[in-house]
């Protein structure tokens, strides 16, 4: 095989080598799933859904998501559409998470608007990036579904006037449902049944 076509040839294969070492996308979905399911279970089994507890939960979720998703995004190939999406989501999560933790005693108003602001920014971005992918692409379906569920969370929470129990409960329920969906999406990408799914390995 000519040197230029050998993926292990040291003289000119940097791109091929990086491509083989890029993080497969199913790992990103699995990581997001794990973070969300753990968050949802902690919220569900913790009594006393006060506004302060909600801000702490949202803050920790935001910080952990920012670190995990940011590092995972950097591990994706530079040509991956999801890299920009997840770096944006990590940045928004970091800002909102830090704000929620720093002002955890601010009460219901901050919880309501921090959650709505965060959910809309990350959810709409996921829908937008998903819509840009080709019809039938597995990630198009996943991103638009996940983004849609996050936007629904924002809209549902927006109409909860001052009920911290309901708001925190919705956050926990959303986290579990979204986490389970992402776990299924991760398995589907790990064991693809179509050629389109293979392109995201």
Protein backbone atom coordinates (compact mmCIF):
# COMPACT_ATOMS: atom_id res chain seq x y z
CA UNK A 1 0.00 0.00 0.00
CA UNK A 2 1.49 3.45 -0.91
CA UNK A 3 2.66 5.51 2.07
CA UNK A 4 0.14 8.28 1.38
CA UNK A 5 -2.74 5.86 1.75
CA UNK A 6 -1.53 4.12 4.87
CA UNK A 7 -3.41 5.47 7.94
CA UNK A 8 -0.42 4.55 10.12
CA UNK A 9 2.22 6.19 7.93
CA UNK A 10 3.94 8.89 9.97
CA UNK A 11 4.65 11.18 7.04
CA UNK A 12 1.18 12.44 6.20
CA UNK A 13 -1.66 10.84 8.06
CA UNK A 14 -2.39 13.27 10.89
CA UNK A 15 -5.99 13.73 9.74
CA UNK A 16 -6.61 9.99 9.47
CA UNK A 17 -5.04 9.37 12.87
CA UNK A 18 -7.16 12.06 14.52
CA UNK A 19 -10.30 10.71 12.86
CA UNK A 20 -9.70 7.25 14.29
CA UNK A 21 -9.11 8.71 17.75
CA UNK A 22 -12.16 10.99 17.76
CA UNK A 23 -14.78 10.29 20.41
CA UNK A 24 -17.69 8.25 19.02
CA UNK A 25 -20.93 10.17 19.39
CA UNK A 26 -22.77 7.47 21.32
CA UNK A 27 -20.44 8.21 24.25
CA UNK A 28 -21.74 11.80 24.34
CA UNK A 29 -25.34 10.59 24.49
CA UNK A 30 -24.46 8.05 27.19
CA UNK A 31 -22.71 10.71 29.29
CA UNK A 32 -25.64 13.12 29.03
CA UNK A 33 -28.01 10.30 29.91
CA UNK A 34 -26.06 9.39 33.04
CA UNK A 35 -25.94 12.98 34.29
CA UNK A 36 -29.67 13.48 33.75
CA UNK A 37 -30.85 10.20 35.23
CA UNK A 38 -28.77 10.68 38.39
CA UNK A 39 -30.11 14.23 38.73
CA UNK A 40 -33.69 13.09 38.23
CA UNK A 41 -33.40 10.30 40.78
CA UNK A 42 -31.82 12.57 43.40
CA UNK A 43 -34.62 15.10 42.94
CA UNK A 44 -37.31 12.42 43.02
CA UNK A 45 -36.09 10.82 46.25
CA UNK A 46 -35.29 14.06 48.08
CA UNK A 47 -38.13 15.42 50.20
CA UNK A 48 -38.79 19.13 50.52
CA UNK A 49 -38.70 20.61 47.04
CA UNK A 50 -38.04 24.17 48.12
CA UNK A 51 -36.89 26.93 45.81
CA UNK A 52 -33.42 26.78 47.36
CA UNK A 53 -33.20 23.03 46.75
CA UNK A 54 -34.31 23.61 43.16
CA UNK A 55 -31.60 26.22 42.61
CA UNK A 56 -28.96 23.92 44.09
CA UNK A 57 -30.16 21.02 41.90
CA UNK A 58 -30.20 23.21 38.79
CA UNK A 59 -26.81 24.65 39.68
CA UNK A 60 -25.16 21.26 40.13
CA UNK A 61 -26.82 19.96 36.98
CA UNK A 62 -25.56 22.99 35.06
CA UNK A 63 -21.97 22.76 36.31
CA UNK A 64 -21.68 18.99 35.84
CA UNK A 65 -23.26 19.23 32.39
CA UNK A 66 -20.92 22.06 31.43
CA UNK A 67 -17.80 20.14 32.43
CA UNK A 68 -18.85 16.75 31.08
CA UNK A 69 -20.44 17.98 27.86
CA UNK A 70 -17.70 20.52 27.20
CA UNK A 71 -14.95 17.91 27.49
CA UNK A 72 -16.94 15.43 25.40
CA UNK A 73 -17.53 18.04 22.69
CA UNK A 74 -13.81 18.76 22.49
CA UNK A 75 -13.25 15.05 21.98
CA UNK A 76 -15.47 14.98 18.89
CA UNK A 77 -13.95 15.39 15.44
CA UNK A 78 -13.73 19.03 14.38
CA UNK A 79 -16.05 18.28 11.47
CA UNK A 80 -18.85 17.10 13.76
CA UNK A 81 -21.91 19.37 13.75
CA UNK A 82 -22.51 18.47 17.38
CA UNK A 83 -19.25 20.00 18.53
CA UNK A 84 -20.50 23.57 18.22
CA UNK A 85 -23.91 22.66 19.62
CA UNK A 86 -22.56 21.01 22.74
CA UNK A 87 -19.96 23.69 23.41
CA UNK A 88 -22.81 26.24 23.32
CA UNK A 89 -24.91 24.08 25.65
CA UNK A 90 -21.94 23.69 28.00
CA UNK A 91 -21.37 27.45 28.09
CA UNK A 92 -25.04 28.23 28.84
CA UNK A 93 -25.16 25.48 31.47
CA UNK A 94 -22.01 26.82 33.13
CA UNK A 95 -23.35 30.39 33.36
CA UNK A 96 -26.80 29.38 34.61
CA UNK A 97 -25.42 26.74 36.96
CA UNK A 98 -22.92 29.11 38.54
CA UNK A 99 -25.59 31.80 38.93
CA UNK A 100 -28.04 29.36 40.54
CA UNK A 101 -25.46 28.15 43.07
CA UNK A 102 -24.17 31.62 43.87
CA UNK A 103 -27.69 32.98 44.45
CA UNK A 104 -29.33 29.85 45.84
CA UNK A 105 -31.17 31.83 48.51
CA UNK A 106 -32.72 34.23 45.98
CA UNK A 107 -35.97 32.28 45.98
CA UNK A 108 -38.65 31.27 43.55
CA UNK A 109 -38.30 34.07 41.02
CA UNK A 110 -34.68 33.19 40.24
CA UNK A 111 -35.46 29.46 40.10
CA UNK A 112 -38.30 30.05 37.66
CA UNK A 113 -36.43 32.32 35.29
CA UNK A 114 -33.07 30.55 35.50
CA UNK A 115 -34.72 27.26 34.58
CA UNK A 116 -36.79 28.78 31.77
CA UNK A 117 -33.81 30.73 30.40
CA UNK A 118 -31.53 27.68 30.46
CA UNK A 119 -34.10 25.27 28.99
CA UNK A 120 -35.02 27.60 26.12
CA UNK A 121 -31.42 28.37 25.16
CA UNK A 122 -30.23 24.76 25.15
CA UNK A 123 -33.48 23.32 23.78
CA UNK A 124 -33.95 25.73 20.87
CA UNK A 125 -30.28 25.31 19.91
CA UNK A 126 -30.69 21.53 19.79
CA UNK A 127 -33.79 21.82 17.60
CA UNK A 128 -32.00 24.27 15.29
CA UNK A 129 -28.92 22.09 14.85
CA UNK A 130 -31.07 19.00 14.38
CA UNK A 131 -33.15 20.69 11.68
CA UNK A 132 -29.97 21.39 9.72
CA UNK A 133 -29.14 17.70 9.38
CA UNK A 134 -30.36 15.55 6.51
CA UNK A 135 -33.81 14.00 6.76
CA UNK A 136 -33.58 10.49 8.15
CA UNK A 137 -30.36 11.18 10.04
CA UNK A 138 -30.49 9.58 13.49
CA UNK A 139 -29.06 12.67 15.15
CA UNK A 140 -31.65 14.88 13.47
CA UNK A 141 -34.39 12.84 15.12
CA UNK A 142 -32.62 12.68 18.48
CA UNK A 143 -31.67 16.34 18.70
CA UNK A 144 -35.06 17.62 17.63
CA UNK A 145 -36.84 15.30 20.08
CA UNK A 146 -34.49 16.16 22.95
CA UNK A 147 -34.65 19.86 22.17
CA UNK A 148 -38.43 19.70 21.94
CA UNK A 149 -38.72 18.06 25.36
CA UNK A 150 -36.47 20.72 26.86
CA UNK A 151 -38.51 23.56 25.34
CA UNK A 152 -41.68 21.92 26.69
CA UNK A 153 -40.07 21.90 30.15
CA UNK A 154 -39.50 25.66 29.85
CA UNK A 155 -43.08 26.32 28.77
CA UNK A 156 -44.59 24.12 31.49
CA UNK A 157 -42.46 25.72 34.21
CA UNK A 158 -43.28 29.19 32.92
CA UNK A 159 -46.92 28.72 33.88
CA UNK A 160 -46.20 27.63 37.45
CA UNK A 161 -46.67 30.93 39.30
CA UNK A 162 -44.94 30.25 42.62
CA UNK A 163 -45.07 26.53 43.25
CA UNK A 164 -41.55 25.32 43.96
CA UNK A 165 -42.73 21.74 44.51
CA UNK A 166 -44.21 21.62 41.00
CA UNK A 167 -41.24 23.35 39.35
CA UNK A 168 -38.62 21.13 40.98
CA UNK A 169 -40.80 18.08 40.35
CA UNK A 170 -41.05 18.92 36.65
CA UNK A 171 -37.28 19.33 36.47
CA UNK A 172 -36.79 15.90 38.03
CA UNK A 173 -39.37 14.23 35.79
CA UNK A 174 -37.88 15.86 32.68
CA UNK A 175 -34.38 14.75 33.67
CA UNK A 176 -35.44 11.11 34.01
CA UNK A 177 -37.46 11.03 30.77
CA UNK A 178 -34.76 12.86 28.82
CA UNK A 179 -32.06 10.67 30.34
CA UNK A 180 -33.84 7.46 29.40
CA UNK A 181 -34.38 8.73 25.85
CA UNK A 182 -30.68 9.58 25.54
CA UNK A 183 -29.72 6.15 26.86
CA UNK A 184 -31.84 4.52 24.16
CA UNK A 185 -30.37 6.89 21.55
CA UNK A 186 -26.86 5.97 22.70
CA UNK A 187 -27.55 2.25 22.30
CA UNK A 188 -29.06 2.85 18.85
CA UNK A 189 -25.94 4.74 17.76
CA UNK A 190 -23.63 2.13 19.30
CA UNK A 191 -25.38 -0.69 17.44
CA UNK A 192 -26.66 1.02 14.28
CA UNK A 193 -29.09 -0.62 11.90
CA UNK A 194 -28.76 1.94 9.07
CA UNK A 195 -25.84 3.41 7.14
CA UNK A 196 -26.74 6.91 8.38
CA UNK A 197 -26.25 5.81 11.97
CA UNK A 198 -22.81 4.44 11.12
CA UNK A 199 -21.59 7.89 10.09
CA UNK A 200 -21.80 9.12 13.70
CA UNK A 201 -19.37 6.57 15.15
